[in-house]
Amino acid sequence: MLVIRRIFVTYHLKIASEHRETAERVHGFHADYCPVARTIRDCVQIETRLEIEAL
């Protein structure tokens, strides 16, 4: 039987440099408002990473 214990997500964003701080701030709490993350967070470890490329 397959059991998922961890999920790793990398967000790749291309944004203007003046929005970098906002993107980093939102990345810090976005999972609290994601229905899927909220549903599985008690049984599956979710780890996210943010990679930003300036436009």
N, C-alpha and C. Protein backbone atom coordinates (compact mmCIF):
# COMPACT_ATOMS: atom_id res chain seq x y z
N MET A 1 0.85 -1.17 0.00
CA MET A 1 0.00 0.00 0.00
C MET A 1 0.89 1.24 0.00
N LEU A 2 0.56 2.19 -0.82
CA LEU A 2 1.28 3.46 -0.90
C LEU A 2 0.76 4.42 0.16
N VAL A 3 1.66 4.97 0.96
CA VAL A 3 1.29 5.95 1.98
C VAL A 3 2.12 7.21 1.76
N ILE A 4 1.46 8.32 1.56
CA ILE A 4 2.16 9.59 1.37
C ILE A 4 2.39 10.22 2.74
N ARG A 5 3.64 10.48 3.05
CA ARG A 5 3.99 11.05 4.35
C ARG A 5 4.48 12.50 4.23
N ARG A 6 5.06 12.84 3.07
CA ARG A 6 5.60 14.18 2.87
C ARG A 6 5.33 14.65 1.44
N ILE A 7 5.12 15.95 1.32
CA ILE A 7 4.96 16.58 0.01
C ILE A 7 5.91 17.77 -0.02
N PHE A 8 6.72 17.85 -1.07
CA PHE A 8 7.63 18.98 -1.26
C PHE A 8 7.17 19.75 -2.48
N VAL A 9 6.98 21.05 -2.32
CA VAL A 9 6.50 21.90 -3.41
C VAL A 9 7.48 23.04 -3.59
N THR A 10 7.86 23.31 -4.84
CA THR A 10 8.69 24.46 -5.15
C THR A 10 7.88 25.38 -6.05
N TYR A 11 7.68 26.61 -5.59
CA TYR A 11 7.00 27.63 -6.37
C TYR A 11 8.05 28.41 -7.15
N HIS A 12 7.89 28.51 -8.45
CA HIS A 12 8.78 29.28 -9.31
C HIS A 12 8.00 30.51 -9.76
N LEU A 13 8.40 31.67 -9.29
CA LEU A 13 7.70 32.90 -9.63
C LEU A 13 8.60 33.82 -10.44
N LYS A 14 8.04 34.43 -11.46
CA LYS A 14 8.71 35.49 -12.20
C LYS A 14 7.94 36.76 -11.90
N ILE A 15 8.54 37.62 -11.09
CA ILE A 15 7.85 38.83 -10.66
C ILE A 15 8.80 40.02 -10.68
N ALA A 16 8.22 41.19 -10.70
CA ALA A 16 9.02 42.41 -10.62
C ALA A 16 9.68 42.49 -9.24
N SER A 17 10.85 43.03 -9.20
CA SER A 17 11.63 43.05 -7.96
C SER A 17 10.91 43.78 -6.83
N GLU A 18 10.07 44.75 -7.15
CA GLU A 18 9.36 45.48 -6.07
C GLU A 18 8.30 44.62 -5.39
N HIS A 19 7.97 43.45 -5.95
CA HIS A 19 6.97 42.56 -5.34
C HIS A 19 7.59 41.40 -4.58
N ARG A 20 8.91 41.35 -4.54
CA ARG A 20 9.60 40.23 -3.89
C ARG A 20 9.22 40.10 -2.41
N GLU A 21 9.25 41.19 -1.68
CA GLU A 21 8.94 41.15 -0.25
C GLU A 21 7.52 40.64 0.00
N THR A 22 6.58 41.08 -0.82
CA THR A 22 5.19 40.63 -0.68
C THR A 22 5.08 39.13 -0.95
N ALA A 23 5.74 38.65 -1.99
CA ALA A 23 5.70 37.23 -2.32
C ALA A 23 6.29 36.39 -1.19
N GLU A 24 7.38 36.82 -0.61
CA GLU A 24 7.99 36.08 0.50
C GLU A 24 7.09 36.09 1.72
N ARG A 25 6.43 37.20 1.99
CA ARG A 25 5.53 37.30 3.14
C ARG A 25 4.33 36.36 2.95
N VAL A 26 3.73 36.39 1.78
CA VAL A 26 2.56 35.56 1.50
C VAL A 26 2.94 34.08 1.53
N HIS A 27 4.11 33.76 1.02
CA HIS A 27 4.56 32.37 1.05
C HIS A 27 4.62 31.84 2.49
N GLY A 28 4.91 32.71 3.43
CA GLY A 28 5.01 32.30 4.83
C GLY A 28 3.70 31.84 5.45
N PHE A 29 2.57 32.27 4.92
CA PHE A 29 1.29 31.88 5.54
C PHE A 29 0.26 31.32 4.56
N HIS A 30 0.61 31.17 3.30
CA HIS A 30 -0.40 30.75 2.31
C HIS A 30 -1.03 29.40 2.62
N ALA A 31 -0.29 28.46 3.19
CA ALA A 31 -0.83 27.13 3.46
C ALA A 31 -1.98 27.17 4.47
N ASP A 32 -1.99 28.17 5.33
CA ASP A 32 -3.07 28.30 6.31
C ASP A 32 -4.41 28.60 5.64
N TYR A 33 -4.39 29.06 4.40
CA TYR A 33 -5.60 29.42 3.68
C TYR A 33 -5.88 28.50 2.49
N CYS A 34 -5.05 27.49 2.30
CA CYS A 34 -5.22 26.53 1.20
C CYS A 34 -6.09 25.37 1.69
N PRO A 35 -7.25 25.13 1.07
CA PRO A 35 -8.13 24.05 1.53
C PRO A 35 -7.46 22.68 1.51
N VAL A 36 -6.67 22.39 0.50
CA VAL A 36 -6.02 21.08 0.43
C VAL A 36 -4.99 20.94 1.55
N ALA A 37 -4.16 21.95 1.73
CA ALA A 37 -3.14 21.90 2.79
C ALA A 37 -3.79 21.77 4.17
N ARG A 38 -4.86 22.49 4.37
CA ARG A 38 -5.56 22.42 5.67
C ARG A 38 -6.17 21.05 5.91
N THR A 39 -6.61 20.40 4.84
CA THR A 39 -7.23 19.08 4.97
C THR A 39 -6.21 18.01 5.35
N ILE A 40 -5.03 18.07 4.78
CA ILE A 40 -4.06 16.98 4.98
C ILE A 40 -2.94 17.32 5.95
N ARG A 41 -2.87 18.52 6.47
CA ARG A 41 -1.70 18.92 7.27
C ARG A 41 -1.49 18.11 8.54
N ASP A 42 -2.54 17.49 9.07
CA ASP A 42 -2.37 16.70 10.29
C ASP A 42 -1.80 15.31 10.04
N CYS A 43 -1.79 14.87 8.77
CA CYS A 43 -1.29 13.53 8.50
C CYS A 43 -0.17 13.50 7.45
N VAL A 44 0.05 14.60 6.74
CA VAL A 44 1.09 14.67 5.72
C VAL A 44 1.92 15.93 5.95
N GLN A 45 3.22 15.76 6.01
CA GLN A 45 4.11 16.91 6.17
C GLN A 45 4.22 17.63 4.83
N ILE A 46 3.97 18.93 4.83
CA ILE A 46 4.05 19.72 3.61
C ILE A 46 5.19 20.72 3.76
N GLU A 47 6.10 20.69 2.81
CA GLU A 47 7.23 21.62 2.81
C GLU A 47 7.23 22.38 1.49
N THR A 48 7.33 23.69 1.58
CA THR A 48 7.34 24.50 0.35
C THR A 48 8.61 25.34 0.29
N ARG A 49 8.97 25.67 -0.94
CA ARG A 49 10.13 26.52 -1.18
C ARG A 49 9.72 27.51 -2.26
N LEU A 50 10.24 28.71 -2.14
CA LEU A 50 9.92 29.77 -3.08
C LEU A 50 11.17 30.17 -3.83
N GLU A 51 11.12 30.07 -5.16
CA GLU A 51 12.21 30.52 -6.00
C GLU A 51 11.69 31.68 -6.84
N ILE A 52 12.34 32.82 -6.72
CA ILE A 52 11.88 34.03 -7.39
C ILE A 52 12.88 34.44 -8.46
N GLU A 53 12.36 34.72 -9.64
CA GLU A 53 13.18 35.24 -10.73
C GLU A 53 12.64 36.62 -11.08
N ALA A 54 13.52 37.61 -11.09
CA ALA A 54 13.10 38.97 -11.39
C ALA A 54 12.78 39.12 -12.88
N LEU A 55 11.78 39.91 -13.16
CA LEU A 55 11.42 40.20 -14.57
C LEU A 55 12.33 41.24 -15.16
